[in-house]
């Protein structure tokens, strides 16, 4: 049951990395925290930390794909992040264009499909165009689904879901007695994906910051000390090993 990962391109090759390949989390969600602190520690502008963070996204996406993870959801920009300095926000909004331009060929080569959740209509046109191209060019890929949460907030998502349900019930003359958990699920932005098995937050902070607050009800949480730009193959595999050491009970015994 337990096998060492094959030493092929993009795969971790340390001899002590042994995983149960039958117990790889299907869906991993990551709060990519620590870009600003990484830059500050090096006396660099915060935007340098965000740039380095995109390099980590490339590396972790490749490893996740090789491991057989089916869904990787990355918290790229929250609804609260608009309050950051304007130059920082503008730089973050420019990242999808430069990042996807250089990384898209590798995503296609590795059969990765790019998808998004969030209130995308509020993003700049240049950002939307870059995302739209990546989604179009990878739409037929059947491997890892790389899901970017852009302008996403868990509370806003739930409010949006409730509004849609209200409109639906009102149009049909039905009461709130018809509302079920499944109905709420079906109206969330993540309705096409399974709930995350594993939620990782980097930088040592121990909170979920309005990320997938409905969906992570029974996810395993791991708070990793590494700042996101320093998070690497070894750290991801260690997180998965911790996940595999736990027994998921879902409220049972």
C-alpha atoms as a PDB file:
ATOM      1  CA  UNK A   1       0.000   0.000   0.000  1.00  0.00           C
ATOM      2  CA  UNK A   2       2.758   2.417   0.873  1.00  0.00           C
ATOM      3  CA  UNK A   3       5.025   3.255  -2.040  1.00  0.00           C
ATOM      4  CA  UNK A   4       7.815   5.687  -2.670  1.00  0.00           C
ATOM      5  CA  UNK A   5       7.071   8.274  -5.291  1.00  0.00           C
ATOM      6  CA  UNK A   6       8.634   7.561  -8.649  1.00  0.00           C
ATOM      7  CA  UNK A   7      11.635   9.744  -9.383  1.00  0.00           C
ATOM      8  CA  UNK A   8      10.402  11.406 -12.537  1.00  0.00           C
ATOM      9  CA  UNK A   9      10.217  14.987 -13.704  1.00  0.00           C
ATOM     10  CA  UNK A  10       8.571  17.350 -11.189  1.00  0.00           C
ATOM     11  CA  UNK A  11       8.091  14.661  -8.558  1.00  0.00           C
ATOM     12  CA  UNK A  12       9.678  14.806  -5.109  1.00  0.00           C
ATOM     13  CA  UNK A  13      12.564  12.360  -4.984  1.00  0.00           C
ATOM     14  CA  UNK A  14      13.723  12.375  -1.366  1.00  0.00           C
ATOM     15  CA  UNK A  15      14.083   8.790  -0.241  1.00  0.00           C
ATOM     16  CA  UNK A  16      12.081   9.254   2.950  1.00  0.00           C
ATOM     17  CA  UNK A  17       8.984  10.641   1.220  1.00  0.00           C
ATOM     18  CA  UNK A  18       6.668   7.657   1.498  1.00  0.00           C
ATOM     19  CA  UNK A  19       2.969   8.216   1.052  1.00  0.00           C
ATOM     20  CA  UNK A  20      -0.082   5.999   1.018  1.00  0.00           C
ATOM     21  CA  UNK A  21      -0.960   6.482  -2.631  1.00  0.00           C
ATOM     22  CA  UNK A  22      -4.446   5.149  -1.910  1.00  0.00           C
ATOM     23  CA  UNK A  23      -5.084   7.961   0.559  1.00  0.00           C
ATOM     24  CA  UNK A  24      -4.121  11.099  -1.348  1.00  0.00           C
ATOM     25  CA  UNK A  25      -6.607  13.913  -0.594  1.00  0.00           C
ATOM     26  CA  UNK A  26      -8.878  14.460  -3.574  1.00  0.00           C
ATOM     27  CA  UNK A  27      -9.243  18.184  -2.941  1.00  0.00           C
ATOM     28  CA  UNK A  28      -6.608  20.386  -1.308  1.00  0.00           C
ATOM     29  CA  UNK A  29      -7.304  24.055  -0.558  1.00  0.00           C
ATOM     30  CA  UNK A  30      -4.505  26.446   0.367  1.00  0.00           C
ATOM     31  CA  UNK A  31      -4.511  29.888   1.971  1.00  0.00           C
ATOM     32  CA  UNK A  32      -1.293  31.265   0.494  1.00  0.00           C
ATOM     33  CA  UNK A  33      -0.203  33.533   3.340  1.00  0.00           C
ATOM     34  CA  UNK A  34       3.091  35.250   4.027  1.00  0.00           C
ATOM     35  CA  UNK A  35       4.150  36.937   0.778  1.00  0.00           C
ATOM     36  CA  UNK A  36       4.449  40.365   2.395  1.00  0.00           C
ATOM     37  CA  UNK A  37       6.349  39.095   5.419  1.00  0.00           C
ATOM     38  CA  UNK A  38       8.710  37.144   3.162  1.00  0.00           C
ATOM     39  CA  UNK A  39       9.559  40.376   1.337  1.00  0.00           C
ATOM     40  CA  UNK A  40       9.845  42.386   4.551  1.00  0.00           C
ATOM     41  CA  UNK A  41      12.326  39.914   6.014  1.00  0.00           C
ATOM     42  CA  UNK A  42      14.514  40.542   2.979  1.00  0.00           C
ATOM     43  CA  UNK A  43      13.958  44.315   3.004  1.00  0.00           C
ATOM     44  CA  UNK A  44      12.186  44.085  -0.344  1.00  0.00           C
ATOM     45  CA  UNK A  45       8.944  45.713  -1.533  1.00  0.00           C
ATOM     46  CA  UNK A  46       5.833  43.665  -0.768  1.00  0.00           C
ATOM     47  CA  UNK A  47       5.205  43.130  -4.474  1.00  0.00           C
ATOM     48  CA  UNK A  48       8.414  41.108  -4.662  1.00  0.00           C
ATOM     49  CA  UNK A  49       6.863  38.703  -2.199  1.00  0.00           C
ATOM     50  CA  UNK A  50       3.776  38.360  -4.385  1.00  0.00           C
ATOM     51  CA  UNK A  51       5.950  37.667  -7.428  1.00  0.00           C
ATOM     52  CA  UNK A  52       7.874  34.979  -5.539  1.00  0.00           C
ATOM     53  CA  UNK A  53       4.569  33.546  -4.401  1.00  0.00           C
ATOM     54  CA  UNK A  54       3.591  32.943  -8.019  1.00  0.00           C
ATOM     55  CA  UNK A  55       6.720  30.835  -8.456  1.00  0.00           C
ATOM     56  CA  UNK A  56       5.553  28.710  -5.533  1.00  0.00           C
ATOM     57  CA  UNK A  57       2.163  28.335  -7.221  1.00  0.00           C
ATOM     58  CA  UNK A  58       3.924  26.881 -10.257  1.00  0.00           C
ATOM     59  CA  UNK A  59       5.923  24.397  -8.186  1.00  0.00           C
ATOM     60  CA  UNK A  60       3.048  23.277  -5.971  1.00  0.00           C
ATOM     61  CA  UNK A  61       0.702  22.865  -8.932  1.00  0.00           C
ATOM     62  CA  UNK A  62       3.180  20.515 -10.606  1.00  0.00           C
ATOM     63  CA  UNK A  63       3.657  18.460  -7.449  1.00  0.00           C
ATOM     64  CA  UNK A  64      -0.093  18.279  -6.786  1.00  0.00           C
ATOM     65  CA  UNK A  65      -0.674  17.079 -10.329  1.00  0.00           C
ATOM     66  CA  UNK A  66       2.017  14.413 -10.021  1.00  0.00           C
ATOM     67  CA  UNK A  67       0.617  13.190  -6.725  1.00  0.00           C
ATOM     68  CA  UNK A  68      -2.825  12.646  -8.250  1.00  0.00           C
ATOM     69  CA  UNK A  69      -4.637  15.412  -6.370  1.00  0.00           C
ATOM     70  CA  UNK A  70      -7.740  16.157  -8.423  1.00  0.00           C
ATOM     71  CA  UNK A  71      -8.632  19.651  -7.183  1.00  0.00           C
ATOM     72  CA  UNK A  72      -6.290  22.371  -5.933  1.00  0.00           C
ATOM     73  CA  UNK A  73      -8.019  25.561  -4.773  1.00  0.00           C
ATOM     74  CA  UNK A  74      -5.775  28.551  -4.099  1.00  0.00           C
ATOM     75  CA  UNK A  75      -6.921  31.662  -2.216  1.00  0.00           C
ATOM     76  CA  UNK A  76      -5.422  34.249  -4.543  1.00  0.00           C
ATOM     77  CA  UNK A  77      -7.351  37.433  -3.673  1.00  0.00           C
ATOM     78  CA  UNK A  78     -10.106  37.960  -1.115  1.00  0.00           C
ATOM     79  CA  UNK A  79     -12.978  40.434  -1.079  1.00  0.00           C
ATOM     80  CA  UNK A  80     -11.179  42.104   1.839  1.00  0.00           C
ATOM     81  CA  UNK A  81      -7.884  42.523  -0.019  1.00  0.00           C
ATOM     82  CA  UNK A  82      -9.172  45.607  -1.841  1.00  0.00           C
ATOM     83  CA  UNK A  83      -8.341  47.579   1.325  1.00  0.00           C
ATOM     84  CA  UNK A  84      -4.607  47.076   0.730  1.00  0.00           C
ATOM     85  CA  UNK A  85      -2.475  49.899  -0.743  1.00  0.00           C
ATOM     86  CA  UNK A  86      -3.493  50.727  -4.308  1.00  0.00           C
ATOM     87  CA  UNK A  87      -0.094  49.964  -5.827  1.00  0.00           C
ATOM     88  CA  UNK A  88      -0.088  46.531  -4.205  1.00  0.00           C
ATOM     89  CA  UNK A  89      -3.615  45.747  -5.422  1.00  0.00           C
ATOM     90  CA  UNK A  90      -2.744  46.904  -8.936  1.00  0.00           C
ATOM     91  CA  UNK A  91       0.318  44.677  -8.954  1.00  0.00           C
ATOM     92  CA  UNK A  92      -1.661  41.654  -7.754  1.00  0.00           C
ATOM     93  CA  UNK A  93      -4.231  42.298 -10.486  1.00  0.00           C
ATOM     94  CA  UNK A  94      -1.429  42.289 -13.069  1.00  0.00           C
ATOM     95  CA  UNK A  95      -0.047  38.947 -11.912  1.00  0.00           C
ATOM     96  CA  UNK A  96      -2.529  36.662 -13.727  1.00  0.00           C
ATOM     97  CA  UNK A  97      -1.425  38.144 -17.054  1.00  0.00           C
ATOM     98  CA  UNK A  98       2.318  37.635 -16.561  1.00  0.00           C
ATOM     99  CA  UNK A  99       1.946  34.427 -14.540  1.00  0.00           C
ATOM    100  CA  UNK A 100      -0.405  32.636 -16.926  1.00  0.00           C
ATOM    101  CA  UNK A 101       1.472  33.819 -20.007  1.00  0.00           C
ATOM    102  CA  UNK A 102       4.599  32.004 -18.860  1.00  0.00           C
ATOM    103  CA  UNK A 103       2.948  29.066 -17.080  1.00  0.00           C
ATOM    104  CA  UNK A 104       0.123  28.264 -19.508  1.00  0.00           C
ATOM    105  CA  UNK A 105       2.207  26.025 -21.805  1.00  0.00           C
ATOM    106  CA  UNK A 106       3.223  23.910 -18.804  1.00  0.00           C
ATOM    107  CA  UNK A 107      -0.367  23.694 -17.590  1.00  0.00           C
ATOM    108  CA  UNK A 108      -1.436  22.448 -20.993  1.00  0.00           C
ATOM    109  CA  UNK A 109       1.469  19.987 -21.137  1.00  0.00           C
ATOM    110  CA  UNK A 110       0.547  18.623 -17.706  1.00  0.00           C
ATOM    111  CA  UNK A 111      -3.179  18.324 -18.551  1.00  0.00           C
ATOM    112  CA  UNK A 112      -4.158  20.880 -15.854  1.00  0.00           C
ATOM    113  CA  UNK A 113      -7.497  22.666 -16.188  1.00  0.00           C
ATOM    114  CA  UNK A 114      -7.733  26.260 -14.908  1.00  0.00           C
ATOM    115  CA  UNK A 115     -10.966  27.286 -13.203  1.00  0.00           C
ATOM    116  CA  UNK A 116     -12.058  30.105 -10.893  1.00  0.00           C
ATOM    117  CA  UNK A 117     -14.453  30.991  -8.119  1.00  0.00           C
ATOM    118  CA  UNK A 118     -15.246  34.465  -6.848  1.00  0.00           C
ATOM    119  CA  UNK A 119     -16.962  37.680  -7.875  1.00  0.00           C
ATOM    120  CA  UNK A 120     -14.983  38.045 -11.068  1.00  0.00           C
ATOM    121  CA  UNK A 121     -17.140  40.823 -12.510  1.00  0.00           C
ATOM    122  CA  UNK A 122     -15.369  43.315 -10.231  1.00  0.00           C
ATOM    123  CA  UNK A 123     -11.885  42.508 -11.545  1.00  0.00           C
ATOM    124  CA  UNK A 124     -10.063  44.686 -14.100  1.00  0.00           C
ATOM    125  CA  UNK A 125     -10.570  43.755 -17.764  1.00  0.00           C
ATOM    126  CA  UNK A 126      -6.899  42.868 -18.202  1.00  0.00           C
ATOM    127  CA  UNK A 127      -7.136  40.402 -15.329  1.00  0.00           C
ATOM    128  CA  UNK A 128     -10.368  38.935 -16.683  1.00  0.00           C
ATOM    129  CA  UNK A 129      -8.875  38.540 -20.155  1.00  0.00           C
ATOM    130  CA  UNK A 130      -5.862  36.644 -18.820  1.00  0.00           C
ATOM    131  CA  UNK A 131      -8.065  34.336 -16.777  1.00  0.00           C
ATOM    132  CA  UNK A 132     -10.481  33.794 -19.673  1.00  0.00           C
ATOM    133  CA  UNK A 133      -7.648  32.792 -22.014  1.00  0.00           C
ATOM    134  CA  UNK A 134      -6.231  30.303 -19.513  1.00  0.00           C
ATOM    135  CA  UNK A 135      -9.646  28.770 -18.965  1.00  0.00           C
ATOM    136  CA  UNK A 136     -10.341  28.562 -22.687  1.00  0.00           C
ATOM    137  CA  UNK A 137      -6.958  27.053 -23.550  1.00  0.00           C
ATOM    138  CA  UNK A 138      -7.219  24.393 -20.815  1.00  0.00           C
ATOM    139  CA  UNK A 139     -10.945  23.659 -21.003  1.00  0.00           C
ATOM    140  CA  UNK A 140     -10.444  20.197 -22.512  1.00  0.00           C
ATOM    141  CA  UNK A 141      -7.768  19.115 -20.031  1.00  0.00           C
ATOM    142  CA  UNK A 142      -8.804  16.213 -17.834  1.00  0.00           C
ATOM    143  CA  UNK A 143      -6.190  16.251 -15.073  1.00  0.00           C
ATOM    144  CA  UNK A 144      -5.839  18.424 -11.994  1.00  0.00           C
ATOM    145  CA  UNK A 145      -8.363  21.241 -11.703  1.00  0.00           C
ATOM    146  CA  UNK A 146      -6.463  24.342 -10.589  1.00  0.00           C
ATOM    147  CA  UNK A 147      -9.068  26.637  -9.042  1.00  0.00           C
ATOM    148  CA  UNK A 148      -8.126  30.233  -8.302  1.00  0.00           C
ATOM    149  CA  UNK A 149     -10.309  32.016  -5.730  1.00  0.00           C
ATOM    150  CA  UNK A 150     -10.231  35.589  -7.045  1.00  0.00           C
ATOM    151  CA  UNK A 151     -12.180  38.367  -5.317  1.00  0.00           C
ATOM    152  CA  UNK A 152     -13.665  35.595  -3.191  1.00  0.00           C
ATOM    153  CA  UNK A 153     -15.231  35.760   0.258  1.00  0.00           C
ATOM    154  CA  UNK A 154     -17.014  32.935   2.037  1.00  0.00           C
ATOM    155  CA  UNK A 155     -19.661  35.071   3.728  1.00  0.00           C
ATOM    156  CA  UNK A 156     -20.469  36.937   0.517  1.00  0.00           C
ATOM    157  CA  UNK A 157     -20.733  33.599  -1.276  1.00  0.00           C
ATOM    158  CA  UNK A 158     -23.277  32.311   1.240  1.00  0.00           C
ATOM    159  CA  UNK A 159     -25.298  35.559   1.088  1.00  0.00           C
ATOM    160  CA  UNK A 160     -25.310  35.275  -2.697  1.00  0.00           C
ATOM    161  CA  UNK A 161     -26.461  31.669  -2.452  1.00  0.00           C
ATOM    162  CA  UNK A 162     -29.302  32.548  -0.058  1.00  0.00           C
ATOM    163  CA  UNK A 163     -30.496  35.334  -2.383  1.00  0.00           C
ATOM    164  CA  UNK A 164     -30.625  32.947  -5.325  1.00  0.00           C
ATOM    165  CA  UNK A 165     -32.534  30.389  -3.274  1.00  0.00           C
ATOM    166  CA  UNK A 166     -34.989  33.062  -2.089  1.00  0.00           C
ATOM    167  CA  UNK A 167     -35.654  34.185  -5.650  1.00  0.00           C
ATOM    168  CA  UNK A 168     -36.118  30.589  -6.767  1.00  0.00           C
ATOM    169  CA  UNK A 169     -38.550  29.746  -3.982  1.00  0.00           C
ATOM    170  CA  UNK A 170     -40.496  32.993  -4.400  1.00  0.00           C
ATOM    171  CA  UNK A 171     -40.882  32.415  -8.129  1.00  0.00           C
ATOM    172  CA  UNK A 172     -42.363  28.982  -7.426  1.00  0.00           C
ATOM    173  CA  UNK A 173     -44.494  30.107  -4.493  1.00  0.00           C
ATOM    174  CA  UNK A 174     -42.617  27.873  -2.073  1.00  0.00           C
ATOM    175  CA  UNK A 175     -41.663  28.485   1.572  1.00  0.00           C
ATOM    176  CA  UNK A 176     -38.347  28.368   3.386  1.00  0.00           C
ATOM    177  CA  UNK A 177     -39.250  24.862   4.562  1.00  0.00           C
ATOM    178  CA  UNK A 178     -37.913  23.688   1.198  1.00  0.00           C
ATOM    179  CA  UNK A 179     -34.363  24.833   1.982  1.00  0.00           C
ATOM    180  CA  UNK A 180     -31.874  22.023   2.585  1.00  0.00           C
ATOM    181  CA  UNK A 181     -28.104  21.754   2.901  1.00  0.00           C
ATOM    182  CA  UNK A 182     -28.026  20.216  -0.563  1.00  0.00           C
ATOM    183  CA  UNK A 183     -29.889  23.219  -1.973  1.00  0.00           C
ATOM    184  CA  UNK A 184     -27.366  25.605  -0.441  1.00  0.00           C
ATOM    185  CA  UNK A 185     -24.514  23.467  -1.807  1.00  0.00           C
ATOM    186  CA  UNK A 186     -26.004  23.615  -5.282  1.00  0.00           C
ATOM    187  CA  UNK A 187     -26.062  27.418  -5.228  1.00  0.00           C
ATOM    188  CA  UNK A 188     -22.487  27.923  -4.027  1.00  0.00           C
ATOM    189  CA  UNK A 189     -19.678  28.820  -6.404  1.00  0.00           C
ATOM    190  CA  UNK A 190     -18.086  25.455  -5.626  1.00  0.00           C
ATOM    191  CA  UNK A 191     -21.135  23.386  -6.554  1.00  0.00           C
ATOM    192  CA  UNK A 192     -19.158  21.475  -9.192  1.00  0.00           C
ATOM    193  CA  UNK A 193     -16.414  20.416  -6.769  1.00  0.00           C
ATOM    194  CA  UNK A 194     -16.232  18.128  -3.731  1.00  0.00           C
ATOM    195  CA  UNK A 195     -15.537  19.796  -0.391  1.00  0.00           C
ATOM    196  CA  UNK A 196     -11.829  20.089   0.455  1.00  0.00           C
ATOM    197  CA  UNK A 197     -10.358  17.110   2.259  1.00  0.00           C
ATOM    198  CA  UNK A 198      -7.386  19.167   3.411  1.00  0.00           C
ATOM    199  CA  UNK A 199      -7.041  22.888   4.110  1.00  0.00           C
ATOM    200  CA  UNK A 200      -3.503  24.245   4.451  1.00  0.00           C
ATOM    201  CA  UNK A 201      -2.620  27.736   5.616  1.00  0.00           C
ATOM    202  CA  UNK A 202       0.971  28.864   5.413  1.00  0.00           C
ATOM    203  CA  UNK A 203       2.862  31.431   7.562  1.00  0.00           C
ATOM    204  CA  UNK A 204       1.759  30.016  10.913  1.00  0.00           C
ATOM    205  CA  UNK A 205      -1.488  31.990  11.179  1.00  0.00           C
ATOM    206  CA  UNK A 206      -4.311  29.849  12.551  1.00  0.00           C
ATOM    207  CA  UNK A 207      -7.521  31.145  11.020  1.00  0.00           C
ATOM    208  CA  UNK A 208      -9.383  30.579   7.750  1.00  0.00           C
ATOM    209  CA  UNK A 209      -9.971  34.256   6.884  1.00  0.00           C
ATOM    210  CA  UNK A 210     -13.383  33.894   5.239  1.00  0.00           C
ATOM    211  CA  UNK A 211     -12.201  31.115   2.905  1.00  0.00           C
ATOM    212  CA  UNK A 212     -14.651  28.341   1.972  1.00  0.00           C
ATOM    213  CA  UNK A 213     -16.324  28.651   5.356  1.00  0.00           C
ATOM    214  CA  UNK A 214     -19.230  26.363   4.395  1.00  0.00           C
ATOM    215  CA  UNK A 215     -17.137  23.860   2.483  1.00  0.00           C
ATOM    216  CA  UNK A 216     -14.436  23.187   5.098  1.00  0.00           C
ATOM    217  CA  UNK A 217     -16.846  22.049   7.815  1.00  0.00           C
ATOM    218  CA  UNK A 218     -15.190  18.615   7.895  1.00  0.00           C
ATOM    219  CA  UNK A 219     -11.864  19.348   6.248  1.00  0.00           C
ATOM    220  CA  UNK A 220      -8.604  18.525   7.981  1.00  0.00           C
ATOM    221  CA  UNK A 221      -6.731  21.756   8.890  1.00  0.00           C
ATOM    222  CA  UNK A 222      -2.962  22.079   8.829  1.00  0.00           C
ATOM    223  CA  UNK A 223      -1.300  25.365   9.775  1.00  0.00           C
ATOM    224  CA  UNK A 224       2.179  25.331   8.288  1.00  0.00           C
ATOM    225  CA  UNK A 225       4.893  27.648   9.623  1.00  0.00           C
ATOM    226  CA  UNK A 226       6.519  28.349   6.253  1.00  0.00           C
ATOM    227  CA  UNK A 227       5.805  31.625   4.500  1.00  0.00           C
ATOM    228  CA  UNK A 228       4.142  30.926   1.157  1.00  0.00           C
ATOM    229  CA  UNK A 229       7.187  31.790  -1.035  1.00  0.00           C
ATOM    230  CA  UNK A 230       9.186  29.223   0.990  1.00  0.00           C
ATOM    231  CA  UNK A 231       6.522  26.505   0.826  1.00  0.00           C
ATOM    232  CA  UNK A 232       7.861  23.697  -1.348  1.00  0.00           C
ATOM    233  CA  UNK A 233       7.452  20.078  -2.407  1.00  0.00           C
ATOM    234  CA  UNK A 234       8.732  18.788   0.916  1.00  0.00           C
ATOM    235  CA  UNK A 235       6.270  20.885   2.895  1.00  0.00           C
ATOM    236  CA  UNK A 236       3.301  19.810   0.776  1.00  0.00           C
ATOM    237  CA  UNK A 237       4.223  16.172   1.115  1.00  0.00           C
ATOM    238  CA  UNK A 238       4.712  16.560   4.870  1.00  0.00           C
ATOM    239  CA  UNK A 239       1.248  18.108   5.094  1.00  0.00           C
ATOM    240  CA  UNK A 240      -0.214  15.160   3.220  1.00  0.00           C
ATOM    241  CA  UNK A 241       1.617  12.742   5.527  1.00  0.00           C
ATOM    242  CA  UNK A 242       0.043  14.498   8.518  1.00  0.00           C
ATOM    243  CA  UNK A 243      -3.347  14.271   6.787  1.00  0.00           C
ATOM    244  CA  UNK A 244      -2.818  10.540   6.264  1.00  0.00           C
ATOM    245  CA  UNK A 245      -1.982  10.055   9.944  1.00  0.00           C
ATOM    246  CA  UNK A 246      -5.411  11.329  11.003  1.00  0.00           C
ATOM    247  CA  UNK A 247      -8.665   9.453  11.196  1.00  0.00           C
ATOM    248  CA  UNK A 248     -11.540  11.372   9.647  1.00  0.00           C
ATOM    249  CA  UNK A 249     -14.726  10.654  11.592  1.00  0.00           C
ATOM    250  CA  UNK A 250     -17.170  13.220  10.152  1.00  0.00           C
ATOM    251  CA  UNK A 251     -18.900  13.481  13.508  1.00  0.00           C
ATOM    252  CA  UNK A 252     -18.979   9.713  14.120  1.00  0.00           C
ATOM    253  CA  UNK A 253     -16.860   7.428  16.289  1.00  0.00           C
END
